Each structure stands twice: as C-alpha cells, then as structure tokens.
Amino acid sequence: MFPQLKLRVRNRRALVFTVVTLALLFLTPPLFTAAGYRFVQNRTESMPKGIYFVSPVGKVERGMTMLLSLSPKQRQLLSRYPWGQANVPLLKQIVAIPGDLACFDSKLSVNGHEIAAIEASDKLGNPFPRLTGCSRLEKSQFLPLATKSPYSFDGRYFGPIEQDQIIGEASLVISFEDR
C-alpha cells in the first residue's frame, strides 16, 4: 500500500546525534522557559541591539541589565506613544537600588552623581511625562535606564519599578551593532 522507504545510514553516530539534537530542540524549550530562562531580541535603540540570554536573578545590583515588565500605569503611559509597545518587556540597566536617592530635573542624578539627560519630548516631538524632585528608593524599588538613548522610555520618565516587575537578568550574547 505504501512505498517502502529505505534509508542507508553510513554513520550511525551522525544519525543518533541528529535525532537527539532535534529531540532536544523540540522538547527542552518548555522546560527551559519554565525554569525562568529565555532568549530575547532587542531591535530598539535603547540598548545594544542583539540577542540576550535572560536568566533568573537573585540579588539585583546597580549596573545589571534586566528584562522588565511594566506596571498597568506604566503600560498606559507607554501606549500614548506611536512607537510604544505596552505589552512587550523592556531591556534596561539598573542605575539605582533601594536606599539610593534619585533626583529628577533636567538631568537624572543618583546619590548626587549625574547619570543621564532628561528630554522634554521624544524624537517625534511628543512630550514625555515629567518627574520632578528627589525621592529615596524604597525596599523593593529599582530605577531602570537605557544606556544608549536619552529618548528611551525608562525610569527617567516613569520612575522606579518594583522587584516583582523584574523578569530576569539579561546578558548580550549576539550583537547586531556595527563595530
């Protein structure tokens, strides 16, 4: 009824290796993501473009790059912009941790050190939310910032995030940047 398919295998090891590799490719991603690991791609100008490996994080420290979810209020702010994708997690670097003093004026400063410029509007002329004054970050708060663009929607414009908004630590593994 069906034609018989005969495979000639010259190298059994190559066949076994191929079958095992394909099985792993199809079976391990659910286990991989369930354990808190994943790969994400950044195509924005906010952070270096490329593929990032995201892993669970223990203690969050200044300078770590994190994959973040937005709070409902932050998603609402982001959705006002034509370039905003409110349901897409953000890649940002942590510049302030609990106990740090963050001040917002024309520049962002943390513990008295100027960190970044604060722009009045995005590249299209849409006004950014304006935070003013100084506040000390509470026990579970962190301030995220993009490292490459002052026009990035980050803590300069929406303030601190909570610990539970941190999805994981992100490490750049493949860069798409021009050298």
Foldseek 3Di string as FASTA:
>chain_A
DDDDDDDDDPDVVVVVVVVVVVCCVPPCPVVQVVQLWDKDFDPDQLAFGAIKIFHADDDADAFFKFWFADDPVLLVLQVVDPPRDNGGTDIFGWHDAAFWKWAADQFIDINPHTDGGADQAAPVRHGAAGDGGIDGHHHFWTFTGGDGDNRDPGCNRVNIDGNVRTSGTIDGDTGPDDD
